[in-house]
Amino acid sequence: MHTFTIEGFCDWCQTPSFVTKHEYIDGKCHHSCEKCLSFAVMDVRQFNLAEIEFRAKSLAQS
């Protein structure tokens, strides 16, 4: 469940709105409005999965 209680700018469409926070595995975060929520969730998930895979490969090579 996502709550849109933060006033700010959506990092995907750049419009001022109430936004929700999305956290990346590397510690960074972005915010999305309700309109961009489904894309933002997919985008963050794909990044996090790729980052996990990259880290696993890096550990296997060392």
N, C-alpha and C. Protein backbone atom coordinates (compact mmCIF):
# COMPACT_ATOMS: atom_id res chain seq x y z
N MET A 1 0.86 -1.19 0.00
CA MET A 1 0.00 0.00 0.00
C MET A 1 0.89 1.24 0.00
N HIS A 2 0.65 2.11 -0.91
CA HIS A 2 1.42 3.35 -1.01
C HIS A 2 0.55 4.50 -0.56
N THR A 3 1.15 5.37 0.23
CA THR A 3 0.43 6.57 0.67
C THR A 3 1.09 7.80 0.03
N PHE A 4 0.29 8.70 -0.40
CA PHE A 4 0.76 9.91 -1.08
C PHE A 4 0.58 11.09 -0.15
N THR A 5 1.48 11.20 0.83
CA THR A 5 1.35 12.22 1.86
C THR A 5 2.45 13.28 1.81
N ILE A 6 3.43 13.09 0.94
CA ILE A 6 4.54 14.03 0.83
C ILE A 6 4.25 15.00 -0.31
N GLU A 7 4.34 16.29 -0.04
CA GLU A 7 4.20 17.26 -1.12
C GLU A 7 5.56 17.42 -1.79
N GLY A 8 5.59 17.26 -3.10
CA GLY A 8 6.85 17.38 -3.81
C GLY A 8 6.66 17.23 -5.30
N PHE A 9 7.74 16.85 -5.97
CA PHE A 9 7.71 16.66 -7.41
C PHE A 9 7.91 15.19 -7.73
N CYS A 10 7.16 14.70 -8.67
CA CYS A 10 7.32 13.32 -9.14
C CYS A 10 8.62 13.25 -9.94
N ASP A 11 9.46 12.27 -9.62
CA ASP A 11 10.72 12.12 -10.33
C ASP A 11 10.54 11.51 -11.73
N TRP A 12 9.36 11.01 -12.03
CA TRP A 12 9.13 10.43 -13.35
C TRP A 12 8.48 11.43 -14.30
N CYS A 13 7.46 12.16 -13.86
CA CYS A 13 6.79 13.11 -14.77
C CYS A 13 7.11 14.56 -14.46
N GLN A 14 7.84 14.81 -13.37
CA GLN A 14 8.30 16.16 -12.99
C GLN A 14 7.18 17.13 -12.66
N THR A 15 6.01 16.64 -12.24
CA THR A 15 4.92 17.54 -11.88
C THR A 15 4.80 17.65 -10.36
N PRO A 16 4.39 18.81 -9.87
CA PRO A 16 4.16 18.94 -8.43
C PRO A 16 2.91 18.17 -8.04
N SER A 17 2.99 17.43 -6.95
CA SER A 17 1.88 16.58 -6.55
C SER A 17 2.16 16.02 -5.17
N PHE A 18 1.20 15.29 -4.63
CA PHE A 18 1.48 14.46 -3.48
C PHE A 18 2.17 13.22 -4.01
N VAL A 19 3.27 12.83 -3.36
CA VAL A 19 4.08 11.73 -3.87
C VAL A 19 4.33 10.69 -2.78
N THR A 20 4.80 9.53 -3.21
CA THR A 20 5.20 8.46 -2.31
C THR A 20 6.66 8.12 -2.59
N LYS A 21 7.34 7.61 -1.59
CA LYS A 21 8.77 7.36 -1.68
C LYS A 21 9.05 5.94 -2.17
N HIS A 22 10.05 5.81 -3.04
CA HIS A 22 10.53 4.52 -3.53
C HIS A 22 12.01 4.42 -3.20
N GLU A 23 12.41 3.36 -2.52
CA GLU A 23 13.80 3.21 -2.09
C GLU A 23 14.53 2.17 -2.94
N TYR A 24 15.71 2.55 -3.36
CA TYR A 24 16.58 1.67 -4.13
C TYR A 24 17.51 0.93 -3.19
N ILE A 25 17.99 -0.23 -3.63
CA ILE A 25 18.87 -1.06 -2.82
C ILE A 25 20.20 -0.36 -2.52
N ASP A 26 20.59 0.58 -3.36
CA ASP A 26 21.86 1.28 -3.15
C ASP A 26 21.74 2.47 -2.19
N GLY A 27 20.55 2.65 -1.61
CA GLY A 27 20.35 3.70 -0.61
C GLY A 27 19.71 4.97 -1.13
N LYS A 28 19.62 5.11 -2.44
CA LYS A 28 18.99 6.30 -3.01
C LYS A 28 17.48 6.12 -2.99
N CYS A 29 16.76 7.21 -3.20
CA CYS A 29 15.30 7.12 -3.28
C CYS A 29 14.78 8.13 -4.29
N HIS A 30 13.61 7.85 -4.80
CA HIS A 30 12.90 8.75 -5.68
C HIS A 30 11.44 8.79 -5.23
N HIS A 31 10.70 9.74 -5.75
CA HIS A 31 9.30 9.89 -5.37
C HIS A 31 8.43 9.88 -6.64
N SER A 32 7.25 9.26 -6.53
CA SER A 32 6.33 9.24 -7.66
C SER A 32 4.95 9.70 -7.24
N CYS A 33 4.25 10.27 -8.20
CA CYS A 33 2.86 10.63 -8.00
C CYS A 33 2.00 9.38 -8.24
N GLU A 34 0.73 9.48 -7.97
CA GLU A 34 -0.16 8.33 -8.13
C GLU A 34 -0.26 7.91 -9.60
N LYS A 35 -0.20 8.88 -10.49
CA LYS A 35 -0.30 8.59 -11.93
C LYS A 35 0.87 7.74 -12.41
N CYS A 36 2.05 7.97 -11.88
CA CYS A 36 3.26 7.26 -12.31
C CYS A 36 3.60 6.06 -11.43
N LEU A 37 2.77 5.73 -10.47
CA LEU A 37 3.08 4.70 -9.49
C LEU A 37 3.44 3.36 -10.11
N SER A 38 2.64 2.85 -11.02
CA SER A 38 2.90 1.51 -11.57
C SER A 38 4.23 1.48 -12.32
N PHE A 39 4.53 2.52 -13.07
CA PHE A 39 5.81 2.58 -13.77
C PHE A 39 6.97 2.70 -12.79
N ALA A 40 6.80 3.52 -11.77
CA ALA A 40 7.85 3.72 -10.77
C ALA A 40 8.16 2.42 -10.03
N VAL A 41 7.13 1.70 -9.62
CA VAL A 41 7.32 0.42 -8.92
C VAL A 41 8.10 -0.54 -9.81
N MET A 42 7.72 -0.64 -11.08
CA MET A 42 8.41 -1.53 -12.02
C MET A 42 9.86 -1.08 -12.21
N ASP A 43 10.08 0.21 -12.38
CA ASP A 43 11.40 0.75 -12.61
C ASP A 43 12.34 0.47 -11.43
N VAL A 44 11.87 0.74 -10.22
CA VAL A 44 12.68 0.52 -9.02
C VAL A 44 12.95 -0.97 -8.83
N ARG A 45 11.94 -1.80 -9.06
CA ARG A 45 12.11 -3.25 -8.93
C ARG A 45 13.16 -3.77 -9.91
N GLN A 46 13.09 -3.35 -11.16
CA GLN A 46 14.06 -3.80 -12.16
C GLN A 46 15.47 -3.36 -11.79
N PHE A 47 15.62 -2.12 -11.32
CA PHE A 47 16.93 -1.65 -10.90
C PHE A 47 17.46 -2.50 -9.75
N ASN A 48 16.62 -2.73 -8.73
CA ASN A 48 17.06 -3.48 -7.57
C ASN A 48 17.44 -4.91 -7.93
N LEU A 49 16.67 -5.55 -8.80
CA LEU A 49 17.01 -6.92 -9.23
C LEU A 49 18.33 -6.94 -9.99
N ALA A 50 18.54 -5.98 -10.86
CA ALA A 50 19.80 -5.90 -11.62
C ALA A 50 20.98 -5.63 -10.67
N GLU A 51 20.77 -4.80 -9.67
CA GLU A 51 21.83 -4.50 -8.70
C GLU A 51 22.18 -5.74 -7.88
N ILE A 52 21.18 -6.51 -7.48
CA ILE A 52 21.43 -7.75 -6.74
C ILE A 52 22.22 -8.73 -7.60
N GLU A 53 21.84 -8.85 -8.87
CA GLU A 53 22.56 -9.74 -9.79
C GLU A 53 24.00 -9.27 -9.99
N PHE A 54 24.21 -7.98 -10.16
CA PHE A 54 25.54 -7.42 -10.33
C PHE A 54 26.41 -7.69 -9.11
N ARG A 55 25.84 -7.49 -7.92
CA ARG A 55 26.60 -7.73 -6.69
C ARG A 55 26.96 -9.20 -6.54
N ALA A 56 26.03 -10.08 -6.89
CA ALA A 56 26.31 -11.52 -6.80
C ALA A 56 27.43 -11.92 -7.74
N LYS A 57 27.43 -11.37 -8.95
CA LYS A 57 28.49 -11.67 -9.92
C LYS A 57 29.82 -11.12 -9.44
N SER A 58 29.80 -9.94 -8.86
CA SER A 58 31.04 -9.33 -8.36
C SER A 58 31.64 -10.15 -7.23
N LEU A 59 30.79 -10.68 -6.36
CA LEU A 59 31.28 -11.51 -5.25
C LEU A 59 31.82 -12.84 -5.76
N ALA A 60 31.19 -13.39 -6.79
CA ALA A 60 31.61 -14.68 -7.35
C ALA A 60 32.97 -14.55 -8.03
N GLN A 61 33.26 -13.39 -8.58
CA GLN A 61 34.53 -13.18 -9.28
C GLN A 61 35.68 -12.89 -8.32
N SER A 62 35.40 -12.49 -7.10
CA SER A 62 36.49 -12.16 -6.18
C SER A 62 36.99 -13.34 -5.41
